[in-house]
mmCIF file of all heavy atoms, coordinates in Angstrom:
data_MODEL
# 
_entry.id   MODEL 
# 
loop_
_atom_site.group_PDB 
_atom_site.id 
_atom_site.type_symbol 
_atom_site.label_atom_id 
_atom_site.label_alt_id 
_atom_site.label_comp_id 
_atom_site.label_asym_id 
_atom_site.label_entity_id 
_atom_site.label_seq_id 
_atom_site.pdbx_PDB_ins_code 
_atom_site.Cartn_x 
_atom_site.Cartn_y 
_atom_site.Cartn_z 
_atom_site.occupancy 
_atom_site.B_iso_or_equiv 
_atom_site.pdbx_formal_charge 
_atom_site.auth_seq_id 
_atom_site.auth_comp_id 
_atom_site.auth_asym_id 
_atom_site.auth_atom_id 
_atom_site.pdbx_PDB_model_num 
ATOM 1   N N   . TYR A 1 1  ? 21.103 3.656   17.108 1.00 0.00 ? 1  TYR A N   1 
ATOM 2   C CA  . TYR A 1 1  ? 20.893 2.781   18.230 1.00 0.00 ? 1  TYR A CA  1 
ATOM 3   C C   . TYR A 1 1  ? 20.002 1.561   17.798 1.00 0.00 ? 1  TYR A C   1 
ATOM 4   O O   . TYR A 1 1  ? 20.298 0.421   18.143 1.00 0.00 ? 1  TYR A O   1 
ATOM 5   C CB  . TYR A 1 1  ? 20.145 3.551   19.384 1.00 0.00 ? 1  TYR A CB  1 
ATOM 6   C CG  . TYR A 1 1  ? 19.651 2.682   20.487 1.00 0.00 ? 1  TYR A CG  1 
ATOM 7   C CD1 . TYR A 1 1  ? 20.523 1.863   21.261 1.00 0.00 ? 1  TYR A CD1 1 
ATOM 8   C CD2 . TYR A 1 1  ? 18.286 2.702   20.847 1.00 0.00 ? 1  TYR A CD2 1 
ATOM 9   C CE1 . TYR A 1 1  ? 20.066 1.101   22.289 1.00 0.00 ? 1  TYR A CE1 1 
ATOM 10  C CE2 . TYR A 1 1  ? 17.835 1.898   21.908 1.00 0.00 ? 1  TYR A CE2 1 
ATOM 11  C CZ  . TYR A 1 1  ? 18.734 1.143   22.625 1.00 0.00 ? 1  TYR A CZ  1 
ATOM 12  O OH  . TYR A 1 1  ? 18.224 0.343   23.643 1.00 0.00 ? 1  TYR A OH  1 
ATOM 13  N N   . ILE A 1 2  ? 18.960 1.817   17.063 1.00 0.00 ? 2  ILE A N   1 
ATOM 14  C CA  . ILE A 1 2  ? 18.068 0.698   16.645 1.00 0.00 ? 2  ILE A CA  1 
ATOM 15  C C   . ILE A 1 2  ? 18.806 -0.234  15.723 1.00 0.00 ? 2  ILE A C   1 
ATOM 16  O O   . ILE A 1 2  ? 18.637 -1.472  15.789 1.00 0.00 ? 2  ILE A O   1 
ATOM 17  C CB  . ILE A 1 2  ? 16.743 1.238   16.063 1.00 0.00 ? 2  ILE A CB  1 
ATOM 18  C CG1 . ILE A 1 2  ? 15.651 0.138   16.168 1.00 0.00 ? 2  ILE A CG1 1 
ATOM 19  C CG2 . ILE A 1 2  ? 16.905 1.644   14.624 1.00 0.00 ? 2  ILE A CG2 1 
ATOM 20  C CD1 . ILE A 1 2  ? 15.121 -0.021  17.507 1.00 0.00 ? 2  ILE A CD1 1 
ATOM 21  N N   . LEU A 1 3  ? 19.645 0.317   14.812 1.00 0.00 ? 3  LEU A N   1 
ATOM 22  C CA  . LEU A 1 3  ? 20.373 -0.536  13.897 1.00 0.00 ? 3  LEU A CA  1 
ATOM 23  C C   . LEU A 1 3  ? 21.437 -1.398  14.583 1.00 0.00 ? 3  LEU A C   1 
ATOM 24  O O   . LEU A 1 3  ? 21.678 -2.528  14.228 1.00 0.00 ? 3  LEU A O   1 
ATOM 25  C CB  . LEU A 1 3  ? 20.941 0.308   12.743 1.00 0.00 ? 3  LEU A CB  1 
ATOM 26  C CG  . LEU A 1 3  ? 19.954 0.940   11.794 1.00 0.00 ? 3  LEU A CG  1 
ATOM 27  C CD1 . LEU A 1 3  ? 20.653 1.783   10.761 1.00 0.00 ? 3  LEU A CD1 1 
ATOM 28  C CD2 . LEU A 1 3  ? 19.130 -0.141  11.087 1.00 0.00 ? 3  LEU A CD2 1 
ATOM 29  N N   . THR A 1 4  ? 22.109 -0.770  15.566 1.00 0.00 ? 4  THR A N   1 
ATOM 30  C CA  . THR A 1 4  ? 23.102 -1.540  16.327 1.00 0.00 ? 4  THR A CA  1 
ATOM 31  C C   . THR A 1 4  ? 22.403 -2.679  17.103 1.00 0.00 ? 4  THR A C   1 
ATOM 32  O O   . THR A 1 4  ? 22.917 -3.800  17.164 1.00 0.00 ? 4  THR A O   1 
ATOM 33  C CB  . THR A 1 4  ? 23.904 -0.597  17.295 1.00 0.00 ? 4  THR A CB  1 
ATOM 34  O OG1 . THR A 1 4  ? 24.513 0.401   16.539 1.00 0.00 ? 4  THR A OG1 1 
ATOM 35  C CG2 . THR A 1 4  ? 24.903 -1.409  18.081 1.00 0.00 ? 4  THR A CG2 1 
ATOM 36  N N   . THR A 1 5  ? 21.283 -2.366  17.682 1.00 0.00 ? 5  THR A N   1 
ATOM 37  C CA  . THR A 1 5  ? 20.529 -3.386  18.420 1.00 0.00 ? 5  THR A CA  1 
ATOM 38  C C   . THR A 1 5  ? 20.079 -4.496  17.478 1.00 0.00 ? 5  THR A C   1 
ATOM 39  O O   . THR A 1 5  ? 20.152 -5.685  17.829 1.00 0.00 ? 5  THR A O   1 
ATOM 40  C CB  . THR A 1 5  ? 19.298 -2.770  19.126 1.00 0.00 ? 5  THR A CB  1 
ATOM 41  O OG1 . THR A 1 5  ? 19.728 -1.722  19.984 1.00 0.00 ? 5  THR A OG1 1 
ATOM 42  C CG2 . THR A 1 5  ? 18.587 -3.814  19.961 1.00 0.00 ? 5  THR A CG2 1 
ATOM 43  N N   . LEU A 1 6  ? 19.619 -4.141  16.259 1.00 0.00 ? 6  LEU A N   1 
ATOM 44  C CA  . LEU A 1 6  ? 19.190 -5.128  15.274 1.00 0.00 ? 6  LEU A CA  1 
ATOM 45  C C   . LEU A 1 6  ? 20.360 -6.002  14.834 1.00 0.00 ? 6  LEU A C   1 
ATOM 46  O O   . LEU A 1 6  ? 20.253 -7.196  14.684 1.00 0.00 ? 6  LEU A O   1 
ATOM 47  C CB  . LEU A 1 6  ? 18.551 -4.471  14.110 1.00 0.00 ? 6  LEU A CB  1 
ATOM 48  C CG  . LEU A 1 6  ? 18.009 -5.386  12.999 1.00 0.00 ? 6  LEU A CG  1 
ATOM 49  C CD1 . LEU A 1 6  ? 17.078 -6.416  13.507 1.00 0.00 ? 6  LEU A CD1 1 
ATOM 50  C CD2 . LEU A 1 6  ? 17.379 -4.570  11.870 1.00 0.00 ? 6  LEU A CD2 1 
ATOM 51  N N   . LYS A 1 7  ? 21.547 -5.389  14.704 1.00 0.00 ? 7  LYS A N   1 
ATOM 52  C CA  . LYS A 1 7  ? 22.737 -6.138  14.307 1.00 0.00 ? 7  LYS A CA  1 
ATOM 53  C C   . LYS A 1 7  ? 23.132 -7.150  15.419 1.00 0.00 ? 7  LYS A C   1 
ATOM 54  O O   . LYS A 1 7  ? 23.445 -8.270  15.145 1.00 0.00 ? 7  LYS A O   1 
ATOM 55  C CB  . LYS A 1 7  ? 23.910 -5.150  14.078 1.00 0.00 ? 7  LYS A CB  1 
ATOM 56  C CG  . LYS A 1 7  ? 25.188 -5.834  13.631 1.00 0.00 ? 7  LYS A CG  1 
ATOM 57  C CD  . LYS A 1 7  ? 26.278 -4.783  13.398 1.00 0.00 ? 7  LYS A CD  1 
ATOM 58  C CE  . LYS A 1 7  ? 27.608 -5.432  12.973 1.00 0.00 ? 7  LYS A CE  1 
ATOM 59  N NZ  . LYS A 1 7  ? 28.691 -4.413  12.870 1.00 0.00 ? 7  LYS A NZ  1 
ATOM 60  N N   . LEU A 1 8  ? 22.969 -6.702  16.661 1.00 0.00 ? 8  LEU A N   1 
ATOM 61  C CA  . LEU A 1 8  ? 23.218 -7.625  17.809 1.00 0.00 ? 8  LEU A CA  1 
ATOM 62  C C   . LEU A 1 8  ? 22.236 -8.767  17.777 1.00 0.00 ? 8  LEU A C   1 
ATOM 63  O O   . LEU A 1 8  ? 22.661 -9.961  17.932 1.00 0.00 ? 8  LEU A O   1 
ATOM 64  C CB  . LEU A 1 8  ? 23.063 -6.843  19.113 1.00 0.00 ? 8  LEU A CB  1 
ATOM 65  C CG  . LEU A 1 8  ? 23.079 -7.628  20.456 1.00 0.00 ? 8  LEU A CG  1 
ATOM 66  C CD1 . LEU A 1 8  ? 24.455 -8.170  20.689 1.00 0.00 ? 8  LEU A CD1 1 
ATOM 67  C CD2 . LEU A 1 8  ? 22.601 -6.748  21.585 1.00 0.00 ? 8  LEU A CD2 1 
ATOM 68  N N   . ILE A 1 9  ? 20.962 -8.479  17.590 1.00 0.00 ? 9  ILE A N   1 
ATOM 69  C CA  . ILE A 1 9  ? 19.916 -9.552  17.569 1.00 0.00 ? 9  ILE A CA  1 
ATOM 70  C C   . ILE A 1 9  ? 20.163 -10.493 16.385 1.00 0.00 ? 9  ILE A C   1 
ATOM 71  O O   . ILE A 1 9  ? 20.057 -11.682 16.482 1.00 0.00 ? 9  ILE A O   1 
ATOM 72  C CB  . ILE A 1 9  ? 18.546 -8.872  17.475 1.00 0.00 ? 9  ILE A CB  1 
ATOM 73  C CG1 . ILE A 1 9  ? 18.272 -8.172  18.806 1.00 0.00 ? 9  ILE A CG1 1 
ATOM 74  C CG2 . ILE A 1 9  ? 17.451 -9.902  17.216 1.00 0.00 ? 9  ILE A CG2 1 
ATOM 75  C CD1 . ILE A 1 9  ? 17.058 -7.237  18.773 1.00 0.00 ? 9  ILE A CD1 1 
ATOM 76  N N   . SER A 1 10 ? 20.515 -9.914  15.245 1.00 0.00 ? 10 SER A N   1 
ATOM 77  C CA  . SER A 1 10 ? 20.691 -10.722 14.042 1.00 0.00 ? 10 SER A CA  1 
ATOM 78  C C   . SER A 1 10 ? 21.850 -11.683 14.216 1.00 0.00 ? 10 SER A C   1 
ATOM 79  O O   . SER A 1 10 ? 21.913 -12.746 13.580 1.00 0.00 ? 10 SER A O   1 
ATOM 80  C CB  . SER A 1 10 ? 20.967 -9.832  12.842 1.00 0.00 ? 10 SER A CB  1 
ATOM 81  O OG  . SER A 1 10 ? 19.878 -8.950  12.572 1.00 0.00 ? 10 SER A OG  1 
ATOM 82  N N   . GLY A 1 11 ? 22.814 -11.332 15.128 1.00 0.00 ? 11 GLY A N   1 
ATOM 83  C CA  . GLY A 1 11 ? 23.976 -12.130 15.328 1.00 0.00 ? 11 GLY A CA  1 
ATOM 84  C C   . GLY A 1 11 ? 23.755 -13.502 15.915 1.00 0.00 ? 11 GLY A C   1 
ATOM 85  O O   . GLY A 1 11 ? 24.637 -14.360 15.908 1.00 0.00 ? 11 GLY A O   1 
ATOM 86  N N   . ILE A 1 12 ? 22.559 -13.734 16.518 1.00 0.00 ? 12 ILE A N   1 
ATOM 87  C CA  . ILE A 1 12 ? 22.305 -15.065 17.062 1.00 0.00 ? 12 ILE A CA  1 
ATOM 88  C C   . ILE A 1 12 ? 21.727 -16.020 15.988 1.00 0.00 ? 12 ILE A C   1 
ATOM 89  O O   . ILE A 1 12 ? 21.542 -17.214 16.284 1.00 0.00 ? 12 ILE A O   1 
ATOM 90  C CB  . ILE A 1 12 ? 21.422 -15.045 18.310 1.00 0.00 ? 12 ILE A CB  1 
ATOM 91  C CG1 . ILE A 1 12 ? 19.951 -14.711 17.978 1.00 0.00 ? 12 ILE A CG1 1 
ATOM 92  C CG2 . ILE A 1 12 ? 21.967 -14.090 19.354 1.00 0.00 ? 12 ILE A CG2 1 
ATOM 93  C CD1 . ILE A 1 12 ? 18.996 -14.926 19.107 1.00 0.00 ? 12 ILE A CD1 1 
ATOM 94  N N   . HIS A 1 13 ? 21.433 -15.510 14.848 1.00 0.00 ? 13 HIS A N   1 
ATOM 95  C CA  . HIS A 1 13 ? 20.991 -16.333 13.679 1.00 0.00 ? 13 HIS A CA  1 
ATOM 96  C C   . HIS A 1 13 ? 19.771 -17.186 14.055 1.00 0.00 ? 13 HIS A C   1 
ATOM 97  O O   . HIS A 1 13 ? 19.831 -18.444 13.997 1.00 0.00 ? 13 HIS A O   1 
ATOM 98  C CB  . HIS A 1 13 ? 22.091 -17.151 13.122 1.00 0.00 ? 13 HIS A CB  1 
ATOM 99  C CG  . HIS A 1 13 ? 23.273 -16.356 12.661 1.00 0.00 ? 13 HIS A CG  1 
ATOM 100 N ND1 . HIS A 1 13 ? 23.185 -15.569 11.534 1.00 0.00 ? 13 HIS A ND1 1 
ATOM 101 C CD2 . HIS A 1 13 ? 24.521 -16.214 13.169 1.00 0.00 ? 13 HIS A CD2 1 
ATOM 102 C CE1 . HIS A 1 13 ? 24.343 -14.954 11.341 1.00 0.00 ? 13 HIS A CE1 1 
ATOM 103 N NE2 . HIS A 1 13 ? 25.172 -15.328 12.320 1.00 0.00 ? 13 HIS A NE2 1 
ATOM 104 N N   . ASP A 1 14 ? 18.703 -16.545 14.389 1.00 0.00 ? 14 ASP A N   1 
ATOM 105 C CA  . ASP A 1 14 ? 17.459 -17.174 14.780 1.00 0.00 ? 14 ASP A CA  1 
ATOM 106 C C   . ASP A 1 14 ? 16.343 -16.412 14.061 1.00 0.00 ? 14 ASP A C   1 
ATOM 107 O O   . ASP A 1 14 ? 16.168 -15.214 14.306 1.00 0.00 ? 14 ASP A O   1 
ATOM 108 C CB  . ASP A 1 14 ? 17.273 -17.167 16.292 1.00 0.00 ? 14 ASP A CB  1 
ATOM 109 C CG  . ASP A 1 14 ? 15.956 -17.808 16.782 1.00 0.00 ? 14 ASP A CG  1 
ATOM 110 O OD1 . ASP A 1 14 ? 15.257 -18.412 15.927 1.00 0.00 ? 14 ASP A OD1 1 
ATOM 111 O OD2 . ASP A 1 14 ? 15.646 -17.700 17.921 1.00 0.00 ? 14 ASP A OD2 1 
ATOM 112 N N   . THR A 1 15 ? 15.590 -17.074 13.180 1.00 0.00 ? 15 THR A N   1 
ATOM 113 C CA  . THR A 1 15 ? 14.545 -16.393 12.411 1.00 0.00 ? 15 THR A CA  1 
ATOM 114 C C   . THR A 1 15 ? 13.435 -15.822 13.318 1.00 0.00 ? 15 THR A C   1 
ATOM 115 O O   . THR A 1 15 ? 12.766 -14.865 12.962 1.00 0.00 ? 15 THR A O   1 
ATOM 116 C CB  . THR A 1 15 ? 13.961 -17.313 11.375 1.00 0.00 ? 15 THR A CB  1 
ATOM 117 O OG1 . THR A 1 15 ? 15.013 -17.911 10.608 1.00 0.00 ? 15 THR A OG1 1 
ATOM 118 C CG2 . THR A 1 15 ? 13.075 -16.548 10.359 1.00 0.00 ? 15 THR A CG2 1 
ATOM 119 N N   . HIS A 1 16 ? 13.311 -16.391 14.566 1.00 0.00 ? 16 HIS A N   1 
ATOM 120 C CA  . HIS A 1 16 ? 12.338 -15.807 15.497 1.00 0.00 ? 16 HIS A CA  1 
ATOM 121 C C   . HIS A 1 16 ? 12.888 -14.450 16.039 1.00 0.00 ? 16 HIS A C   1 
ATOM 122 O O   . HIS A 1 16 ? 12.092 -13.691 16.629 1.00 0.00 ? 16 HIS A O   1 
ATOM 123 C CB  . HIS A 1 16 ? 12.104 -16.764 16.634 1.00 0.00 ? 16 HIS A CB  1 
ATOM 124 C CG  . HIS A 1 16 ? 11.184 -17.850 16.331 1.00 0.00 ? 16 HIS A CG  1 
ATOM 125 N ND1 . HIS A 1 16 ? 11.319 -19.151 16.866 1.00 0.00 ? 16 HIS A ND1 1 
ATOM 126 C CD2 . HIS A 1 16 ? 10.052 -17.872 15.518 1.00 0.00 ? 16 HIS A CD2 1 
ATOM 127 C CE1 . HIS A 1 16 ? 10.339 -19.908 16.418 1.00 0.00 ? 16 HIS A CE1 1 
ATOM 128 N NE2 . HIS A 1 16 ? 9.570  -19.175 15.609 1.00 0.00 ? 16 HIS A NE2 1 
ATOM 129 N N   . ALA A 1 17 ? 14.207 -14.267 15.993 1.00 0.00 ? 17 ALA A N   1 
ATOM 130 C CA  . ALA A 1 17 ? 14.831 -13.063 16.633 1.00 0.00 ? 17 ALA A CA  1 
ATOM 131 C C   . ALA A 1 17 ? 14.808 -11.962 15.607 1.00 0.00 ? 17 ALA A C   1 
ATOM 132 O O   . ALA A 1 17 ? 15.495 -12.028 14.556 1.00 0.00 ? 17 ALA A O   1 
ATOM 133 C CB  . ALA A 1 17 ? 16.203 -13.416 17.086 1.00 0.00 ? 17 ALA A CB  1 
ATOM 134 N N   . ASN A 1 18 ? 14.106 -10.882 15.918 1.00 0.00 ? 18 ASN A N   1 
ATOM 135 C CA  . ASN A 1 18 ? 14.092 -9.708  15.025 1.00 0.00 ? 18 ASN A CA  1 
ATOM 136 C C   . ASN A 1 18 ? 13.624 -8.571  15.883 1.00 0.00 ? 18 ASN A C   1 
ATOM 137 O O   . ASN A 1 18 ? 13.402 -8.702  17.084 1.00 0.00 ? 18 ASN A O   1 
ATOM 138 C CB  . ASN A 1 18 ? 13.150 -9.963  13.870 1.00 0.00 ? 18 ASN A CB  1 
ATOM 139 C CG  . ASN A 1 18 ? 13.571 -9.207  12.620 1.00 0.00 ? 18 ASN A CG  1 
ATOM 140 O OD1 . ASN A 1 18 ? 14.019 -8.091  12.646 1.00 0.00 ? 18 ASN A OD1 1 
ATOM 141 N ND2 . ASN A 1 18 ? 13.504 -9.884  11.436 1.00 0.00 ? 18 ASN A ND2 1 
ATOM 142 N N   . ILE A 1 19 ? 13.454 -7.390  15.320 1.00 0.00 ? 19 ILE A N   1 
ATOM 143 C CA  . ILE A 1 19 ? 12.782 -6.332  16.039 1.00 0.00 ? 19 ILE A CA  1 
ATOM 144 C C   . ILE A 1 19 ? 11.347 -6.242  15.523 1.00 0.00 ? 19 ILE A C   1 
ATOM 145 O O   . ILE A 1 19 ? 11.063 -6.050  14.350 1.00 0.00 ? 19 ILE A O   1 
ATOM 146 C CB  . ILE A 1 19 ? 13.491 -4.966  15.821 1.00 0.00 ? 19 ILE A CB  1 
ATOM 147 C CG1 . ILE A 1 19 ? 14.862 -4.980  16.537 1.00 0.00 ? 19 ILE A CG1 1 
ATOM 148 C CG2 . ILE A 1 19 ? 12.638 -3.814  16.325 1.00 0.00 ? 19 ILE A CG2 1 
ATOM 149 C CD1 . ILE A 1 19 ? 15.642 -3.728  16.424 1.00 0.00 ? 19 ILE A CD1 1 
ATOM 150 N N   . TRP A 1 20 ? 10.397 -6.472  16.429 1.00 0.00 ? 20 TRP A N   1 
ATOM 151 C CA  . TRP A 1 20 ? 8.981  -6.579  16.101 1.00 0.00 ? 20 TRP A CA  1 
ATOM 152 C C   . TRP A 1 20 ? 8.247  -5.330  16.514 1.00 0.00 ? 20 TRP A C   1 
ATOM 153 O O   . TRP A 1 20 ? 8.848  -4.350  16.958 1.00 0.00 ? 20 TRP A O   1 
ATOM 154 C CB  . TRP A 1 20 ? 8.393  -7.816  16.740 1.00 0.00 ? 20 TRP A CB  1 
ATOM 155 C CG  . TRP A 1 20 ? 9.148  -9.112  16.468 1.00 0.00 ? 20 TRP A CG  1 
ATOM 156 C CD1 . TRP A 1 20 ? 9.996  -9.729  17.251 1.00 0.00 ? 20 TRP A CD1 1 
ATOM 157 C CD2 . TRP A 1 20 ? 9.107  -9.800  15.234 1.00 0.00 ? 20 TRP A CD2 1 
ATOM 158 N NE1 . TRP A 1 20 ? 10.492 -10.840 16.597 1.00 0.00 ? 20 TRP A NE1 1 
ATOM 159 C CE2 . TRP A 1 20 ? 9.987  -10.944 15.395 1.00 0.00 ? 20 TRP A CE2 1 
ATOM 160 C CE3 . TRP A 1 20 ? 8.415  -9.648  14.006 1.00 0.00 ? 20 TRP A CE3 1 
ATOM 161 C CZ2 . TRP A 1 20 ? 10.232 -11.883 14.370 1.00 0.00 ? 20 TRP A CZ2 1 
ATOM 162 C CZ3 . TRP A 1 20 ? 8.607  -10.641 13.026 1.00 0.00 ? 20 TRP A CZ3 1 
ATOM 163 C CH2 . TRP A 1 20 ? 9.504  -11.673 13.205 1.00 0.00 ? 20 TRP A CH2 1 
ATOM 164 N N   . SER A 1 21 ? 6.927  -5.321  16.340 1.00 0.00 ? 21 SER A N   1 
ATOM 165 C CA  . SER A 1 21 ? 6.035  -4.259  16.743 1.00 0.00 ? 21 SER A CA  1 
ATOM 166 C C   . SER A 1 21 ? 6.099  -3.011  15.831 1.00 0.00 ? 21 SER A C   1 
ATOM 167 O O   . SER A 1 21 ? 5.700  -1.978  16.219 1.00 0.00 ? 21 SER A O   1 
ATOM 168 C CB  . SER A 1 21 ? 6.264  -3.821  18.181 1.00 0.00 ? 21 SER A CB  1 
ATOM 169 O OG  . SER A 1 21 ? 6.031  -4.897  19.052 1.00 0.00 ? 21 SER A OG  1 
ATOM 170 N N   . GLY A 1 22 ? 6.593  -3.225  14.614 1.00 0.00 ? 22 GLY A N   1 
ATOM 171 C CA  . GLY A 1 22 ? 6.616  -2.109  13.691 1.00 0.00 ? 22 GLY A CA  1 
ATOM 172 C C   . GLY A 1 22 ? 7.357  -0.917  14.219 1.00 0.00 ? 22 GLY A C   1 
ATOM 173 O O   . GLY A 1 22 ? 6.882  0.222   14.195 1.00 0.00 ? 22 GLY A O   1 
ATOM 174 N N   . ASN A 1 23 ? 8.580  -1.100  14.666 1.00 0.00 ? 23 ASN A N   1 
ATOM 175 C CA  . ASN A 1 23 ? 9.374  -0.065  15.276 1.00 0.00 ? 23 ASN A CA  1 
ATOM 176 C C   . ASN A 1 23 ? 9.515  1.127   14.356 1.00 0.00 ? 23 ASN A C   1 
ATOM 177 O O   . ASN A 1 23 ? 9.848  0.998   13.186 1.00 0.00 ? 23 ASN A O   1 
ATOM 178 C CB  . ASN A 1 23 ? 10.808 -0.596  15.608 1.00 0.00 ? 23 ASN A CB  1 
ATOM 179 C CG  . ASN A 1 23 ? 11.633 0.370   16.319 1.00 0.00 ? 23 ASN A CG  1 
ATOM 180 O OD1 . ASN A 1 23 ? 12.279 1.194   15.686 1.00 0.00 ? 23 ASN A OD1 1 
ATOM 181 N ND2 . ASN A 1 23 ? 11.660 0.294   17.622 1.00 0.00 ? 23 ASN A ND2 1 
ATOM 182 N N   . ILE A 1 24 ? 9.116  2.302   14.823 1.00 0.00 ? 24 ILE A N   1 
ATOM 183 C CA  . ILE A 1 24 ? 8.984  3.534   14.025 1.00 0.00 ? 24 ILE A CA  1 
ATOM 184 C C   . ILE A 1 24 ? 10.373 3.867   13.399 1.00 0.00 ? 24 ILE A C   1 
ATOM 185 O O   . ILE A 1 24 ? 10.483 4.161   12.211 1.00 0.00 ? 24 ILE A O   1 
ATOM 186 C CB  . ILE A 1 24 ? 8.453  4.673   14.837 1.00 0.00 ? 24 ILE A CB  1 
ATOM 187 C CG1 . ILE A 1 24 ? 7.031  4.415   15.239 1.00 0.00 ? 24 ILE A CG1 1 
ATOM 188 C CG2 . ILE A 1 24 ? 8.527  6.013   14.050 1.00 0.00 ? 24 ILE A CG2 1 
ATOM 189 C CD1 . ILE A 1 24 ? 6.422  5.426   16.226 1.00 0.00 ? 24 ILE A CD1 1 
# 
């Protein structure tokens, strides 16, 4: 789930867009 979400976020190609807060 977290990797699919990260792939979705990465798809907008914005260096500000990532998964933050040290996701466990």
